[in-house]
């Protein structure tokens, strides 16, 4: 059962997964639209937000990570027209994390690729996703 905030928004846990030297961020292919995104997803009521973030990173990107920093909450910026019953307004909770292992096989491998990107590359490919850009900006990824 996914978690919901006090205003009825869907609670989404996400990570900004960095390499150990903080020069690159790991991005994954979006399944809903073309392009690249950060690992994120609904947080179930029986898990903590950090557990949800780590689970989503594993399911979507095949990575194991260490949570380093709480990057805070980010409110979604979609217009009311873009929000629907199938895609309710979301409240994001992002964490900066260090990738400690990358596995060759993972649950969503068949529908998502992953790639390492610099700050500039990530900023460019996520230009249409202000909430993801905000999480990226809050991280310690080298500019």
C-alpha atoms as a PDB file:
ATOM      1  CA  UNK A   1       0.000   0.000   0.000  1.00  0.00           C
ATOM      2  CA  UNK A   2       1.693   3.244  -1.083  1.00  0.00           C
ATOM      3  CA  UNK A   3       2.086   6.081   1.398  1.00  0.00           C
ATOM      4  CA  UNK A   4       0.273   9.404   1.094  1.00  0.00           C
ATOM      5  CA  UNK A   5       0.968  12.783   2.684  1.00  0.00           C
ATOM      6  CA  UNK A   6      -1.450  14.900   4.704  1.00  0.00           C
ATOM      7  CA  UNK A   7      -2.548  16.722   1.534  1.00  0.00           C
ATOM      8  CA  UNK A   8      -3.284  13.467  -0.296  1.00  0.00           C
ATOM      9  CA  UNK A   9      -0.061  13.587  -2.282  1.00  0.00           C
ATOM     10  CA  UNK A  10       1.743  10.365  -3.155  1.00  0.00           C
ATOM     11  CA  UNK A  11       4.957  10.009  -1.135  1.00  0.00           C
ATOM     12  CA  UNK A  12       7.930   9.268  -3.377  1.00  0.00           C
ATOM     13  CA  UNK A  13      11.394   8.294  -2.130  1.00  0.00           C
ATOM     14  CA  UNK A  14      14.349   8.917  -4.425  1.00  0.00           C
ATOM     15  CA  UNK A  15      18.117   8.912  -4.562  1.00  0.00           C
ATOM     16  CA  UNK A  16      20.869  10.902  -6.218  1.00  0.00           C
ATOM     17  CA  UNK A  17      23.320   7.958  -6.612  1.00  0.00           C
ATOM     18  CA  UNK A  18      26.912   9.188  -6.850  1.00  0.00           C
ATOM     19  CA  UNK A  19      30.202   7.418  -7.454  1.00  0.00           C
ATOM     20  CA  UNK A  20      32.712   7.435  -4.577  1.00  0.00           C
ATOM     21  CA  UNK A  21      34.592  10.492  -5.904  1.00  0.00           C
ATOM     22  CA  UNK A  22      31.341  12.442  -6.463  1.00  0.00           C
ATOM     23  CA  UNK A  23      32.184  13.186 -10.112  1.00  0.00           C
ATOM     24  CA  UNK A  24      29.279  11.225 -11.663  1.00  0.00           C
ATOM     25  CA  UNK A  25      25.618  10.439 -10.970  1.00  0.00           C
ATOM     26  CA  UNK A  26      23.923   7.221 -12.094  1.00  0.00           C
ATOM     27  CA  UNK A  27      20.824   7.845 -14.227  1.00  0.00           C
ATOM     28  CA  UNK A  28      18.215   5.346 -15.375  1.00  0.00           C
ATOM     29  CA  UNK A  29      15.932   5.308 -18.396  1.00  0.00           C
ATOM     30  CA  UNK A  30      12.409   6.511 -17.728  1.00  0.00           C
ATOM     31  CA  UNK A  31       9.742   3.906 -18.486  1.00  0.00           C
ATOM     32  CA  UNK A  32       6.859   6.394 -18.811  1.00  0.00           C
ATOM     33  CA  UNK A  33       8.532   8.707 -21.305  1.00  0.00           C
ATOM     34  CA  UNK A  34      11.793   8.949 -23.180  1.00  0.00           C
ATOM     35  CA  UNK A  35      14.781  10.281 -21.320  1.00  0.00           C
ATOM     36  CA  UNK A  36      16.783   9.741 -18.175  1.00  0.00           C
ATOM     37  CA  UNK A  37      15.767  10.105 -14.540  1.00  0.00           C
ATOM     38  CA  UNK A  38      16.940   9.459 -10.976  1.00  0.00           C
ATOM     39  CA  UNK A  39      15.838   6.223  -9.241  1.00  0.00           C
ATOM     40  CA  UNK A  40      12.640   6.927  -7.293  1.00  0.00           C
ATOM     41  CA  UNK A  41       9.310   5.423  -6.459  1.00  0.00           C
ATOM     42  CA  UNK A  42       6.382   5.145  -4.106  1.00  0.00           C
ATOM     43  CA  UNK A  43       7.166   4.457  -0.513  1.00  0.00           C
ATOM     44  CA  UNK A  44       5.210   1.646   1.092  1.00  0.00           C
ATOM     45  CA  UNK A  45       3.647   2.118   4.507  1.00  0.00           C
ATOM     46  CA  UNK A  46       5.621  -0.792   6.037  1.00  0.00           C
ATOM     47  CA  UNK A  47       9.080   0.650   5.318  1.00  0.00           C
ATOM     48  CA  UNK A  48      11.097   3.733   6.212  1.00  0.00           C
ATOM     49  CA  UNK A  49      11.774   6.360   3.573  1.00  0.00           C
ATOM     50  CA  UNK A  50      15.468   5.403   3.369  1.00  0.00           C
ATOM     51  CA  UNK A  51      14.503   1.727   2.962  1.00  0.00           C
ATOM     52  CA  UNK A  52      12.149   2.723   0.133  1.00  0.00           C
ATOM     53  CA  UNK A  53      14.891   4.776  -1.559  1.00  0.00           C
ATOM     54  CA  UNK A  54      17.341   1.863  -1.339  1.00  0.00           C
ATOM     55  CA  UNK A  55      14.722  -0.617  -2.606  1.00  0.00           C
ATOM     56  CA  UNK A  56      13.865   1.591  -5.587  1.00  0.00           C
ATOM     57  CA  UNK A  57      17.583   2.001  -6.427  1.00  0.00           C
ATOM     58  CA  UNK A  58      17.936  -1.797  -6.452  1.00  0.00           C
ATOM     59  CA  UNK A  59      14.743  -2.493  -8.434  1.00  0.00           C
ATOM     60  CA  UNK A  60      15.260   0.251 -11.037  1.00  0.00           C
ATOM     61  CA  UNK A  61      19.056   0.484 -11.333  1.00  0.00           C
ATOM     62  CA  UNK A  62      20.542  -2.703  -9.853  1.00  0.00           C
ATOM     63  CA  UNK A  63      22.635  -0.749  -7.390  1.00  0.00           C
ATOM     64  CA  UNK A  64      23.410  -1.111  -3.713  1.00  0.00           C
ATOM     65  CA  UNK A  65      24.112   2.149  -1.964  1.00  0.00           C
ATOM     66  CA  UNK A  66      24.942   3.880   1.280  1.00  0.00           C
ATOM     67  CA  UNK A  67      22.659   6.804   2.146  1.00  0.00           C
ATOM     68  CA  UNK A  68      24.863   9.832   2.906  1.00  0.00           C
ATOM     69  CA  UNK A  69      22.607  12.875   3.193  1.00  0.00           C
ATOM     70  CA  UNK A  70      18.961  13.786   3.460  1.00  0.00           C
ATOM     71  CA  UNK A  71      18.388  16.247   0.605  1.00  0.00           C
ATOM     72  CA  UNK A  72      14.965  17.201   1.946  1.00  0.00           C
ATOM     73  CA  UNK A  73      11.504  17.256   0.473  1.00  0.00           C
ATOM     74  CA  UNK A  74      10.693  18.595  -2.977  1.00  0.00           C
ATOM     75  CA  UNK A  75       7.132  19.355  -4.037  1.00  0.00           C
ATOM     76  CA  UNK A  76       6.157  18.409  -7.535  1.00  0.00           C
ATOM     77  CA  UNK A  77       5.684  21.207 -10.042  1.00  0.00           C
ATOM     78  CA  UNK A  78       3.353  19.595 -12.600  1.00  0.00           C
ATOM     79  CA  UNK A  79       0.356  21.678 -13.603  1.00  0.00           C
ATOM     80  CA  UNK A  80      -3.126  20.580 -12.441  1.00  0.00           C
ATOM     81  CA  UNK A  81      -3.836  19.425 -16.033  1.00  0.00           C
ATOM     82  CA  UNK A  82      -0.905  16.978 -15.819  1.00  0.00           C
ATOM     83  CA  UNK A  83      -2.097  15.508 -12.516  1.00  0.00           C
ATOM     84  CA  UNK A  84      -4.611  12.652 -12.666  1.00  0.00           C
ATOM     85  CA  UNK A  85      -5.972   9.742 -10.643  1.00  0.00           C
ATOM     86  CA  UNK A  86      -3.331   7.547 -12.316  1.00  0.00           C
ATOM     87  CA  UNK A  87      -0.579  10.092 -11.630  1.00  0.00           C
ATOM     88  CA  UNK A  88      -1.494  12.032  -8.458  1.00  0.00           C
ATOM     89  CA  UNK A  89       0.561  14.974  -7.220  1.00  0.00           C
ATOM     90  CA  UNK A  90       3.734  13.742  -5.550  1.00  0.00           C
ATOM     91  CA  UNK A  91       5.855  14.852  -2.616  1.00  0.00           C
ATOM     92  CA  UNK A  92       9.450  13.737  -3.151  1.00  0.00           C
ATOM     93  CA  UNK A  93      11.947  12.897  -0.423  1.00  0.00           C
ATOM     94  CA  UNK A  94      15.446  12.642  -1.892  1.00  0.00           C
ATOM     95  CA  UNK A  95      18.689  11.314  -0.452  1.00  0.00           C
ATOM     96  CA  UNK A  96      22.249  11.602  -1.674  1.00  0.00           C
ATOM     97  CA  UNK A  97      23.894   8.186  -1.705  1.00  0.00           C
ATOM     98  CA  UNK A  98      27.169   6.532  -2.662  1.00  0.00           C
ATOM     99  CA  UNK A  99      26.905   3.516  -4.964  1.00  0.00           C
ATOM    100  CA  UNK A 100      28.747   0.608  -3.311  1.00  0.00           C
ATOM    101  CA  UNK A 101      27.865  -2.119  -5.849  1.00  0.00           C
ATOM    102  CA  UNK A 102      26.482  -2.331  -9.394  1.00  0.00           C
ATOM    103  CA  UNK A 103      24.912  -5.675 -10.301  1.00  0.00           C
ATOM    104  CA  UNK A 104      24.735  -7.105 -13.837  1.00  0.00           C
ATOM    105  CA  UNK A 105      21.198  -8.404 -13.236  1.00  0.00           C
ATOM    106  CA  UNK A 106      18.368  -6.496 -11.550  1.00  0.00           C
ATOM    107  CA  UNK A 107      14.548  -6.600 -11.443  1.00  0.00           C
ATOM    108  CA  UNK A 108      13.893  -3.904 -14.089  1.00  0.00           C
ATOM    109  CA  UNK A 109      16.914  -4.579 -16.323  1.00  0.00           C
ATOM    110  CA  UNK A 110      14.654  -5.657 -19.201  1.00  0.00           C
ATOM    111  CA  UNK A 111      12.959  -2.244 -19.318  1.00  0.00           C
ATOM    112  CA  UNK A 112      15.631   0.204 -18.115  1.00  0.00           C
ATOM    113  CA  UNK A 113      19.208   0.960 -19.020  1.00  0.00           C
ATOM    114  CA  UNK A 114      21.511   2.889 -16.696  1.00  0.00           C
ATOM    115  CA  UNK A 115      24.396   5.261 -17.350  1.00  0.00           C
ATOM    116  CA  UNK A 116      26.841   7.402 -15.420  1.00  0.00           C
ATOM    117  CA  UNK A 117      26.702  11.130 -16.166  1.00  0.00           C
ATOM    118  CA  UNK A 118      28.508  14.298 -15.142  1.00  0.00           C
ATOM    119  CA  UNK A 119      26.565  17.138 -13.534  1.00  0.00           C
ATOM    120  CA  UNK A 120      26.327  18.979 -16.876  1.00  0.00           C
ATOM    121  CA  UNK A 121      25.138  15.851 -18.724  1.00  0.00           C
ATOM    122  CA  UNK A 122      22.544  15.034 -16.048  1.00  0.00           C
ATOM    123  CA  UNK A 123      21.308  18.637 -15.967  1.00  0.00           C
ATOM    124  CA  UNK A 124      20.827  18.566 -19.747  1.00  0.00           C
ATOM    125  CA  UNK A 125      18.955  15.234 -19.987  1.00  0.00           C
ATOM    126  CA  UNK A 126      16.681  16.021 -17.003  1.00  0.00           C
ATOM    127  CA  UNK A 127      15.873  19.591 -18.137  1.00  0.00           C
ATOM    128  CA  UNK A 128      12.141  18.844 -18.273  1.00  0.00           C
ATOM    129  CA  UNK A 129      12.013  17.456 -14.727  1.00  0.00           C
ATOM    130  CA  UNK A 130      12.380  20.385 -12.272  1.00  0.00           C
ATOM    131  CA  UNK A 131      11.947  18.204  -9.161  1.00  0.00           C
ATOM    132  CA  UNK A 132      14.819  15.929 -10.266  1.00  0.00           C
ATOM    133  CA  UNK A 133      17.009  18.920 -11.145  1.00  0.00           C
ATOM    134  CA  UNK A 134      16.358  20.365  -7.689  1.00  0.00           C
ATOM    135  CA  UNK A 135      17.530  17.117  -6.045  1.00  0.00           C
ATOM    136  CA  UNK A 136      20.623  17.135  -8.282  1.00  0.00           C
ATOM    137  CA  UNK A 137      21.358  20.786  -7.338  1.00  0.00           C
ATOM    138  CA  UNK A 138      21.098  19.962  -3.625  1.00  0.00           C
ATOM    139  CA  UNK A 139      23.646  17.141  -3.956  1.00  0.00           C
ATOM    140  CA  UNK A 140      27.423  17.397  -3.556  1.00  0.00           C
ATOM    141  CA  UNK A 141      28.010  16.126  -7.131  1.00  0.00           C
ATOM    142  CA  UNK A 142      30.960  18.060  -8.564  1.00  0.00           C
ATOM    143  CA  UNK A 143      29.883  20.876 -10.888  1.00  0.00           C
END
